[in-house]
Structure formats: structure tokens, C-alpha cells
Amino acid sequence: MATRVSAWIAAVFSLALLPALLPAQADTKDPTDVLGSWSFQTKPYRQGQCLMTGTMRLSSHPEDGLYECELTAVEVCSMWGRSVVEQSCQARRFGNQVSVRSQITQMLEQKVEGLIYVPDNFSLTIQDHTRMWGALVSAATAPVEFRRSEDGVS
């Protein structure tokens, strides 16, 4: 009887230790995951006359480290008004760096006729799962901050 009780205690003890012996489960969220919706804003540029805000949505791509994305940029400049531009893009991640390359899909709003709008590209560093910072690299360059939207990842 004592052997049976000892075996039972050993089995219960082993089961209690089992979670500590198994690898961590995959459902823990990567704190640097970049999928989902982001909003962004630059610092003023062109001698303080322009500012850009917008949204970007990153979705998965079959190739590791590559993301499909779409962004809408709103550029407001005191000298020529406001432009709203819809763009498709691809983002590539290298460690904590993200490079976004865009193509204009549609000019939604443009105040100056004939204004040439250059696609908006970004070079970013991931701070954590809620913030990326870096630079707008386009017809102008400016510091930019990306913040993850509250709606999360879907």
C-alpha cells in the first residue's frame, strides 16, 4: 500500500512539474510584432510649412519578414494646401528595422493642379509593439512616429 501511495505522489508531483519542463506555448504575443493598424505623424518639414499624418495597415505575407501594406497619407502644407493619397506598399523587416516602400494607387484630394506627389517611404525602428519611429523618405524627409491603433490585430 505504501508503494502505491508513493507512486501516486510521485505521479502527481511529476504532473505538477510538467508545465515547467515543456517549452513556452506559442500563444504568447511577440512584443515586436508589427501586424495590424498604425497611425503616424511626422515632425514639421519644409521649413515648418508641411506636416504629414496618416494610417498604415500591415498584413502578413507568405515570405518571412515581408508584409503587405496599405497606407493613406494626409499632407498639409501652408504653401499649397492639403493632399490625401492612398498608397499600396510592402514592408520588409530586418530585426528591429522596418523598411516601407510605397506606390501611389489613388490621389483622393489635391489642392494644387499638376502637383507631382512622390510615394511615401519610411525607414523605421521598432521600439515595442505599440511604437515605431524613424524617418519619412520621400520628396522631403522628416522624423516620423508610428503608433499602433487601439483596434489591435485581426
N, C-alpha and C. Protein backbone atom coordinates (compact mmCIF):
# COMPACT_ATOMS: atom_id res chain seq x y z
N MET A 1 0.82 -1.19 0.00
CA MET A 1 0.00 0.00 0.00
C MET A 1 0.87 1.26 0.00
N ALA A 2 1.95 1.25 0.78
CA ALA A 2 2.85 2.40 0.85
C ALA A 2 3.49 2.65 -0.51
N THR A 3 3.80 1.58 -1.24
CA THR A 3 4.42 1.72 -2.56
C THR A 3 3.45 2.37 -3.52
N ARG A 4 2.17 1.97 -3.43
CA ARG A 4 1.15 2.54 -4.30
C ARG A 4 0.96 4.03 -4.00
N VAL A 5 0.94 4.42 -2.74
CA VAL A 5 0.79 5.83 -2.34
C VAL A 5 2.02 6.62 -2.80
N SER A 6 3.20 6.06 -2.63
CA SER A 6 4.43 6.73 -3.06
C SER A 6 4.43 6.94 -4.57
N ALA A 7 3.98 5.93 -5.32
CA ALA A 7 3.91 6.04 -6.77
C ALA A 7 2.90 7.11 -7.17
N TRP A 8 1.78 7.16 -6.48
CA TRP A 8 0.75 8.16 -6.77
C TRP A 8 1.28 9.56 -6.49
N ILE A 9 1.96 9.77 -5.36
CA ILE A 9 2.54 11.07 -5.01
C ILE A 9 3.58 11.48 -6.05
N ALA A 10 4.42 10.53 -6.48
CA ALA A 10 5.43 10.82 -7.49
C ALA A 10 4.78 11.23 -8.81
N ALA A 11 3.68 10.55 -9.18
CA ALA A 11 2.99 10.87 -10.43
C ALA A 11 2.38 12.27 -10.37
N VAL A 12 1.74 12.61 -9.25
CA VAL A 12 1.14 13.94 -9.07
C VAL A 12 2.22 15.01 -9.10
N PHE A 13 3.33 14.76 -8.43
CA PHE A 13 4.44 15.70 -8.39
C PHE A 13 5.01 15.91 -9.80
N SER A 14 5.14 14.84 -10.57
CA SER A 14 5.64 14.94 -11.95
C SER A 14 4.70 15.76 -12.81
N LEU A 15 3.39 15.55 -12.65
CA LEU A 15 2.42 16.32 -13.42
C LEU A 15 2.48 17.81 -13.05
N ALA A 16 2.73 18.11 -11.79
CA ALA A 16 2.83 19.50 -11.36
C ALA A 16 4.05 20.17 -11.98
N LEU A 17 5.12 19.42 -12.20
CA LEU A 17 6.33 19.99 -12.79
C LEU A 17 6.29 20.03 -14.32
N LEU A 18 5.38 19.29 -14.93
CA LEU A 18 5.34 19.16 -16.38
C LEU A 18 5.31 20.50 -17.11
N PRO A 19 4.47 21.48 -16.72
CA PRO A 19 4.46 22.75 -17.43
C PRO A 19 5.82 23.45 -17.43
N ALA A 20 6.56 23.34 -16.36
CA ALA A 20 7.87 23.97 -16.29
C ALA A 20 8.87 23.29 -17.21
N LEU A 21 8.65 22.02 -17.52
CA LEU A 21 9.57 21.28 -18.37
C LEU A 21 9.26 21.44 -19.85
N LEU A 22 8.04 21.83 -20.19
CA LEU A 22 7.64 21.97 -21.59
C LEU A 22 8.08 23.33 -22.12
N PRO A 23 8.30 23.45 -23.43
CA PRO A 23 8.64 24.76 -23.99
C PRO A 23 7.46 25.70 -23.86
N ALA A 24 7.75 27.01 -23.87
CA ALA A 24 6.70 28.02 -23.74
C ALA A 24 5.71 27.86 -24.89
N GLN A 25 4.45 28.10 -24.61
CA GLN A 25 3.42 27.95 -25.63
C GLN A 25 3.49 29.08 -26.64
N ALA A 26 3.05 28.81 -27.85
CA ALA A 26 3.16 29.76 -28.95
C ALA A 26 2.16 30.91 -28.87
N ASP A 27 1.22 30.88 -27.92
CA ASP A 27 0.22 31.93 -27.88
C ASP A 27 0.71 33.19 -27.18
N THR A 28 1.94 33.24 -26.72
CA THR A 28 2.46 34.46 -26.13
C THR A 28 2.78 35.42 -27.26
N LYS A 29 2.31 36.65 -27.16
CA LYS A 29 2.44 37.64 -28.22
C LYS A 29 3.86 38.19 -28.28
N ASP A 30 4.41 38.24 -29.48
CA ASP A 30 5.72 38.83 -29.71
C ASP A 30 5.60 40.33 -29.47
N PRO A 31 6.38 40.88 -28.53
CA PRO A 31 6.26 42.32 -28.22
C PRO A 31 6.69 43.22 -29.37
N THR A 32 7.35 42.67 -30.38
CA THR A 32 7.76 43.48 -31.53
C THR A 32 6.98 43.14 -32.79
N ASP A 33 5.85 42.43 -32.66
CA ASP A 33 5.02 42.11 -33.82
C ASP A 33 4.50 43.41 -34.42
N VAL A 34 4.54 43.53 -35.74
CA VAL A 34 4.13 44.78 -36.39
C VAL A 34 2.83 44.67 -37.17
N LEU A 35 2.19 43.50 -37.18
CA LEU A 35 0.93 43.35 -37.90
C LEU A 35 -0.15 44.25 -37.31
N GLY A 36 -1.03 44.74 -38.15
CA GLY A 36 -2.17 45.49 -37.67
C GLY A 36 -2.19 46.93 -38.16
N SER A 37 -2.99 47.74 -37.50
CA SER A 37 -3.22 49.13 -37.90
C SER A 37 -2.36 50.10 -37.10
N TRP A 38 -1.78 51.04 -37.80
CA TRP A 38 -0.91 52.05 -37.20
C TRP A 38 -1.36 53.43 -37.68
N SER A 39 -1.16 54.42 -36.83
CA SER A 39 -1.31 55.82 -37.26
C SER A 39 0.07 56.45 -37.18
N PHE A 40 0.30 57.48 -37.98
CA PHE A 40 1.61 58.11 -37.95
C PHE A 40 1.50 59.62 -38.09
N GLN A 41 2.57 60.30 -37.66
CA GLN A 41 2.68 61.74 -37.80
C GLN A 41 4.15 62.11 -37.88
N THR A 42 4.44 63.00 -38.83
CA THR A 42 5.81 63.50 -38.94
C THR A 42 5.97 64.73 -38.07
N LYS A 43 7.20 65.12 -37.89
CA LYS A 43 7.50 66.46 -37.37
C LYS A 43 7.34 67.40 -38.56
N PRO A 44 7.14 68.70 -38.32
CA PRO A 44 7.03 69.65 -39.43
C PRO A 44 8.30 69.61 -40.31
N TYR A 45 8.10 69.78 -41.61
CA TYR A 45 9.22 69.80 -42.55
C TYR A 45 9.01 70.89 -43.59
N ARG A 46 9.94 71.07 -44.52
CA ARG A 46 9.96 72.18 -45.49
C ARG A 46 9.87 73.51 -44.74
N GLN A 47 10.86 73.72 -43.89
CA GLN A 47 10.95 74.92 -43.05
C GLN A 47 9.70 75.12 -42.20
N GLY A 48 9.12 74.01 -41.73
CA GLY A 48 7.97 74.07 -40.84
C GLY A 48 6.65 74.31 -41.54
N GLN A 49 6.62 74.29 -42.88
CA GLN A 49 5.40 74.59 -43.61
C GLN A 49 4.53 73.36 -43.90
N CYS A 50 5.08 72.16 -43.71
CA CYS A 50 4.33 70.94 -44.03
C CYS A 50 4.32 69.97 -42.85
N LEU A 51 3.26 69.18 -42.79
CA LEU A 51 3.11 68.15 -41.78
C LEU A 51 2.34 66.99 -42.43
N MET A 52 2.74 65.77 -42.12
CA MET A 52 2.05 64.61 -42.68
C MET A 52 1.51 63.74 -41.54
N THR A 53 0.28 63.29 -41.70
CA THR A 53 -0.33 62.32 -40.79
C THR A 53 -0.91 61.22 -41.67
N GLY A 54 -1.30 60.13 -41.04
CA GLY A 54 -1.94 59.08 -41.83
C GLY A 54 -2.11 57.79 -41.07
N THR A 55 -2.50 56.78 -41.83
CA THR A 55 -2.70 55.44 -41.27
C THR A 55 -2.01 54.42 -42.17
N MET A 56 -1.60 53.32 -41.56
CA MET A 56 -0.99 52.22 -42.31
C MET A 56 -1.48 50.92 -41.69
N ARG A 57 -1.79 49.97 -42.56
CA ARG A 57 -2.21 48.64 -42.11
C ARG A 57 -1.25 47.62 -42.69
N LEU A 58 -0.60 46.85 -41.81
CA LEU A 58 0.32 45.80 -42.20
C LEU A 58 -0.36 44.45 -42.07
N SER A 59 -0.28 43.64 -43.13
CA SER A 59 -0.84 42.29 -43.09
C SER A 59 0.24 41.30 -43.49
N SER A 60 -0.01 40.04 -43.18
CA SER A 60 1.01 39.01 -43.38
C SER A 60 1.25 38.75 -44.87
N HIS A 61 2.41 38.22 -45.14
CA HIS A 61 2.85 37.84 -46.48
C HIS A 61 3.48 36.47 -46.35
N PRO A 62 3.36 35.61 -47.36
CA PRO A 62 3.93 34.25 -47.25
C PRO A 62 5.44 34.23 -46.98
N GLU A 63 6.15 35.25 -47.46
CA GLU A 63 7.60 35.29 -47.26
C GLU A 63 7.92 35.85 -45.87
N ASP A 64 8.75 35.15 -45.13
CA ASP A 64 9.12 35.57 -43.78
C ASP A 64 9.80 36.93 -43.80
N GLY A 65 9.39 37.83 -42.91
CA GLY A 65 9.99 39.15 -42.82
C GLY A 65 9.43 40.16 -43.80
N LEU A 66 8.45 39.75 -44.62
CA LEU A 66 7.85 40.64 -45.60
C LEU A 66 6.38 40.83 -45.24
N TYR A 67 5.86 42.04 -45.42
CA TYR A 67 4.47 42.36 -45.09
C TYR A 67 3.84 43.10 -46.25
N GLU A 68 2.58 42.83 -46.51
CA GLU A 68 1.79 43.63 -47.44
C GLU A 68 1.26 44.80 -46.63
N CYS A 69 1.09 45.95 -47.26
CA CYS A 69 0.53 47.06 -46.51
C CYS A 69 -0.18 48.04 -47.43
N GLU A 70 -0.98 48.84 -46.80
CA GLU A 70 -1.66 49.93 -47.48
C GLU A 70 -1.60 51.12 -46.53
N LEU A 71 -1.44 52.28 -47.10
CA LEU A 71 -1.40 53.47 -46.24
C LEU A 71 -2.12 54.61 -46.92
N THR A 72 -2.63 55.49 -46.09
CA THR A 72 -3.24 56.72 -46.55
C THR A 72 -2.50 57.85 -45.87
N ALA A 73 -1.93 58.74 -46.67
CA ALA A 73 -1.17 59.87 -46.15
C ALA A 73 -1.94 61.16 -46.38
N VAL A 74 -1.94 62.01 -45.37
CA VAL A 74 -2.56 63.33 -45.46
C VAL A 74 -1.45 64.35 -45.23
N GLU A 75 -1.09 65.05 -46.29
CA GLU A 75 -0.04 66.06 -46.19
C GLU A 75 -0.69 67.43 -46.25
N VAL A 76 -0.39 68.26 -45.26
CA VAL A 76 -0.91 69.61 -45.21
C VAL A 76 0.28 70.57 -45.24
N CYS A 77 0.30 71.42 -46.26
CA CYS A 77 1.36 72.41 -46.41
C CYS A 77 0.73 73.79 -46.56
N SER A 78 1.25 74.75 -45.82
CA SER A 78 0.68 76.09 -45.86
C SER A 78 0.83 76.71 -47.25
N MET A 79 1.82 76.28 -48.04
CA MET A 79 2.04 76.89 -49.35
C MET A 79 1.18 76.32 -50.46
N TRP A 80 0.69 75.06 -50.33
CA TRP A 80 -0.14 74.51 -51.41
C TRP A 80 -1.32 73.69 -50.95
N GLY A 81 -1.65 73.72 -49.69
CA GLY A 81 -2.87 73.09 -49.23
C GLY A 81 -2.69 71.65 -48.78
N ARG A 82 -3.71 70.87 -49.02
CA ARG A 82 -3.79 69.51 -48.47
C ARG A 82 -3.87 68.48 -49.60
N SER A 83 -3.11 67.39 -49.43
CA SER A 83 -3.19 66.26 -50.34
C SER A 83 -3.52 65.02 -49.52
N VAL A 84 -4.41 64.18 -50.03
CA VAL A 84 -4.73 62.90 -49.40
C VAL A 84 -4.45 61.83 -50.45
N VAL A 85 -3.54 60.91 -50.09
CA VAL A 85 -3.04 59.96 -51.07
C VAL A 85 -3.15 58.54 -50.53
N GLU A 86 -3.82 57.68 -51.31
CA GLU A 86 -3.91 56.26 -50.98
C GLU A 86 -2.75 55.54 -51.66
N GLN A 87 -2.05 54.68 -50.90
CA GLN A 87 -0.88 54.01 -51.43
C GLN A 87 -0.87 52.54 -51.03
N SER A 88 -0.36 51.70 -51.94
CA SER A 88 -0.11 50.31 -51.58
C SER A 88 1.38 50.24 -51.26
N CYS A 89 1.77 49.27 -50.44
CA CYS A 89 3.16 49.21 -50.05
C CYS A 89 3.56 47.80 -49.63
N GLN A 90 4.85 47.63 -49.54
CA GLN A 90 5.42 46.42 -48.95
C GLN A 90 6.38 46.87 -47.88
N ALA A 91 6.39 46.13 -46.80
CA ALA A 91 7.31 46.42 -45.70
C ALA A 91 8.20 45.20 -45.52
N ARG A 92 9.45 45.45 -45.27
CA ARG A 92 10.41 44.37 -45.01
C ARG A 92 11.03 44.63 -43.65
N ARG A 93 11.09 43.57 -42.86
CA ARG A 93 11.63 43.67 -41.51
C ARG A 93 12.98 42.98 -41.43
N PHE A 94 13.95 43.67 -40.84
CA PHE A 94 15.28 43.12 -40.57
C PHE A 94 15.54 43.36 -39.09
N GLY A 95 15.33 42.34 -38.24
CA GLY A 95 15.49 42.54 -36.80
C GLY A 95 14.48 43.54 -36.30
N ASN A 96 14.97 44.65 -35.73
CA ASN A 96 14.05 45.67 -35.23
C ASN A 96 13.90 46.84 -36.22
N GLN A 97 14.34 46.65 -37.46
CA GLN A 97 14.22 47.68 -38.50
C GLN A 97 13.12 47.29 -39.48
N VAL A 98 12.34 48.29 -39.91
CA VAL A 98 11.27 48.07 -40.89
C VAL A 98 11.44 49.10 -42.00
N SER A 99 11.46 48.62 -43.24
CA SER A 99 11.56 49.48 -44.40
C SER A 99 10.25 49.39 -45.18
N VAL A 100 9.60 50.53 -45.40
CA VAL A 100 8.31 50.58 -46.09
C VAL A 100 8.51 51.29 -47.44
N ARG A 101 8.11 50.61 -48.53
CA ARG A 101 8.22 51.16 -49.88
C ARG A 101 6.82 51.19 -50.49
N SER A 102 6.42 52.37 -50.96
CA SER A 102 5.04 52.59 -51.39
C SER A 102 4.92 52.91 -52.88
N GLN A 103 3.70 52.71 -53.35
CA GLN A 103 3.31 53.11 -54.70
C GLN A 103 1.95 53.79 -54.60
N ILE A 104 1.80 54.89 -55.28
CA ILE A 104 0.53 55.63 -55.25
C ILE A 104 -0.53 54.84 -56.00
N THR A 105 -1.67 54.61 -55.35
CA THR A 105 -2.78 53.95 -56.02
C THR A 105 -3.86 54.95 -56.42
N GLN A 106 -4.03 56.03 -55.61
CA GLN A 106 -5.08 56.99 -55.92
C GLN A 106 -4.84 58.30 -55.17
N MET A 107 -4.97 59.41 -55.89
CA MET A 107 -4.97 60.73 -55.26
C MET A 107 -6.42 61.02 -54.87
N LEU A 108 -6.70 61.04 -53.58
CA LEU A 108 -8.07 61.28 -53.13
C LEU A 108 -8.40 62.76 -53.07
N GLU A 109 -7.37 63.58 -52.79
CA GLU A 109 -7.58 65.02 -52.69
C GLU A 109 -6.26 65.71 -53.04
N GLN A 110 -6.35 66.77 -53.85
CA GLN A 110 -5.16 67.53 -54.22
C GLN A 110 -5.58 68.97 -54.48
N LYS A 111 -5.01 69.91 -53.74
CA LYS A 111 -5.42 71.31 -53.86
C LYS A 111 -4.77 72.02 -55.05
N VAL A 112 -3.54 71.66 -55.38
CA VAL A 112 -2.84 72.34 -56.48
C VAL A 112 -2.84 71.43 -57.70
N GLU A 113 -3.40 71.91 -58.78
CA GLU A 113 -3.45 71.14 -60.03
C GLU A 113 -2.03 70.94 -60.56
N GLY A 114 -1.73 69.71 -60.98
CA GLY A 114 -0.42 69.43 -61.57
C GLY A 114 0.70 69.18 -60.56
N LEU A 115 0.39 69.22 -59.29
CA LEU A 115 1.41 68.95 -58.27
C LEU A 115 1.85 67.49 -58.38
N ILE A 116 3.14 67.27 -58.44
CA ILE A 116 3.67 65.91 -58.53
C ILE A 116 3.88 65.39 -57.12
N TYR A 117 3.19 64.31 -56.79
CA TYR A 117 3.30 63.71 -55.45
C TYR A 117 4.16 62.45 -55.58
N VAL A 118 5.18 62.37 -54.76
CA VAL A 118 6.11 61.24 -54.76
C VAL A 118 5.66 60.23 -53.70
N PRO A 119 5.70 58.92 -53.97
CA PRO A 119 5.30 57.93 -52.97
C PRO A 119 6.04 58.12 -51.64
N ASP A 120 5.35 57.79 -50.57
CA ASP A 120 5.90 57.96 -49.22
C ASP A 120 6.54 56.66 -48.75
N ASN A 121 7.83 56.71 -48.51
CA ASN A 121 8.58 55.57 -47.99
C ASN A 121 9.04 55.92 -46.59
N PHE A 122 9.24 54.87 -45.79
CA PHE A 122 9.64 55.09 -44.40
C PHE A 122 10.75 54.13 -44.02
N SER A 123 11.64 54.60 -43.20
CA SER A 123 12.68 53.78 -42.59
C SER A 123 12.44 53.86 -41.08
N LEU A 124 12.11 52.71 -40.46
CA LEU A 124 11.61 52.71 -39.08
C LEU A 124 12.40 51.77 -38.18
N THR A 125 12.37 52.09 -36.90
CA THR A 125 12.92 51.23 -35.85
C THR A 125 11.78 50.87 -34.91
N ILE A 126 11.63 49.58 -34.61
CA ILE A 126 10.58 49.14 -33.68
C ILE A 126 11.05 49.41 -32.26
N GLN A 127 10.26 50.18 -31.51
CA GLN A 127 10.56 50.39 -30.10
C GLN A 127 9.91 49.28 -29.28
N ASP A 128 8.62 49.04 -29.53
CA ASP A 128 7.88 47.95 -28.89
C ASP A 128 6.64 47.70 -29.73
N HIS A 129 5.69 46.88 -29.24
CA HIS A 129 4.52 46.53 -30.05
C HIS A 129 3.54 47.68 -30.26
N THR A 130 3.79 48.84 -29.64
CA THR A 130 2.89 49.98 -29.81
C THR A 130 3.53 51.17 -30.50
N ARG A 131 4.85 51.14 -30.72
CA ARG A 131 5.51 52.33 -31.26
C ARG A 131 6.68 51.97 -32.19
N MET A 132 6.73 52.67 -33.33
CA MET A 132 7.88 52.65 -34.22
C MET A 132 8.24 54.10 -34.51
N TRP A 133 9.49 54.38 -34.70
CA TRP A 133 9.92 55.74 -35.03
C TRP A 133 10.99 55.67 -36.10
N GLY A 134 11.17 56.76 -36.79
CA GLY A 134 12.18 56.78 -37.84
C GLY A 134 12.03 58.00 -38.71
N ALA A 135 12.06 57.78 -40.05
CA ALA A 135 12.05 58.90 -40.99
C ALA A 135 11.15 58.64 -42.18
N LEU A 136 10.46 59.69 -42.60
CA LEU A 136 9.80 59.74 -43.89
C LEU A 136 10.91 59.98 -44.90
N VAL A 137 10.94 59.16 -45.96
CA VAL A 137 11.96 59.31 -47.01
C VAL A 137 11.19 59.40 -48.32
N SER A 138 10.96 60.64 -48.77
CA SER A 138 10.12 60.87 -49.95
C SER A 138 10.68 62.09 -50.67
N ALA A 139 9.81 62.94 -51.22
CA ALA A 139 10.26 64.18 -51.83
C ALA A 139 10.90 65.07 -50.77
N ALA A 140 10.49 64.86 -49.53
CA ALA A 140 11.09 65.54 -48.38
C ALA A 140 11.39 64.46 -47.34
N THR A 141 12.23 64.77 -46.40
CA THR A 141 12.49 63.85 -45.30
C THR A 141 12.10 64.54 -44.00
N ALA A 142 11.63 63.72 -43.05
CA ALA A 142 11.22 64.26 -41.76
C ALA A 142 11.16 63.13 -40.75
N PRO A 143 11.42 63.43 -39.49
CA PRO A 143 11.22 62.41 -38.45
C PRO A 143 9.74 62.04 -38.38
N VAL A 144 9.48 60.75 -38.07
CA VAL A 144 8.10 60.27 -38.01
C VAL A 144 7.95 59.30 -36.84
N GLU A 145 6.75 59.29 -36.28
CA GLU A 145 6.42 58.34 -35.22
C GLU A 145 5.17 57.59 -35.63
N PHE A 146 5.20 56.25 -35.50
CA PHE A 146 4.05 55.39 -35.76
C PHE A 146 3.55 54.85 -34.42
N ARG A 147 2.25 54.90 -34.21
CA ARG A 147 1.62 54.35 -33.01
C ARG A 147 0.59 53.33 -33.44
N ARG A 148 0.56 52.18 -32.73
CA ARG A 148 -0.42 51.15 -33.06
C ARG A 148 -1.80 51.61 -32.64
N SER A 149 -2.77 51.41 -33.55
CA SER A 149 -4.16 51.77 -33.26
C SER A 149 -4.70 50.84 -32.17
N GLU A 150 -5.74 51.28 -31.51
CA GLU A 150 -6.33 50.54 -30.41
C GLU A 150 -7.09 49.30 -30.86
N ASP A 151 -7.43 49.17 -32.16
CA ASP A 151 -8.25 48.05 -32.59
C ASP A 151 -7.49 46.73 -32.65
N GLY A 152 -6.18 46.74 -32.50
CA GLY A 152 -5.41 45.51 -32.42
C GLY A 152 -5.22 44.83 -33.76
N VAL A 153 -4.91 43.55 -33.71
CA VAL A 153 -4.60 42.76 -34.90
C VAL A 153 -5.79 41.88 -35.23
N SER A 154 -6.11 41.81 -36.53
CA SER A 154 -7.19 40.91 -36.94
C SER A 154 -6.72 40.07 -38.10
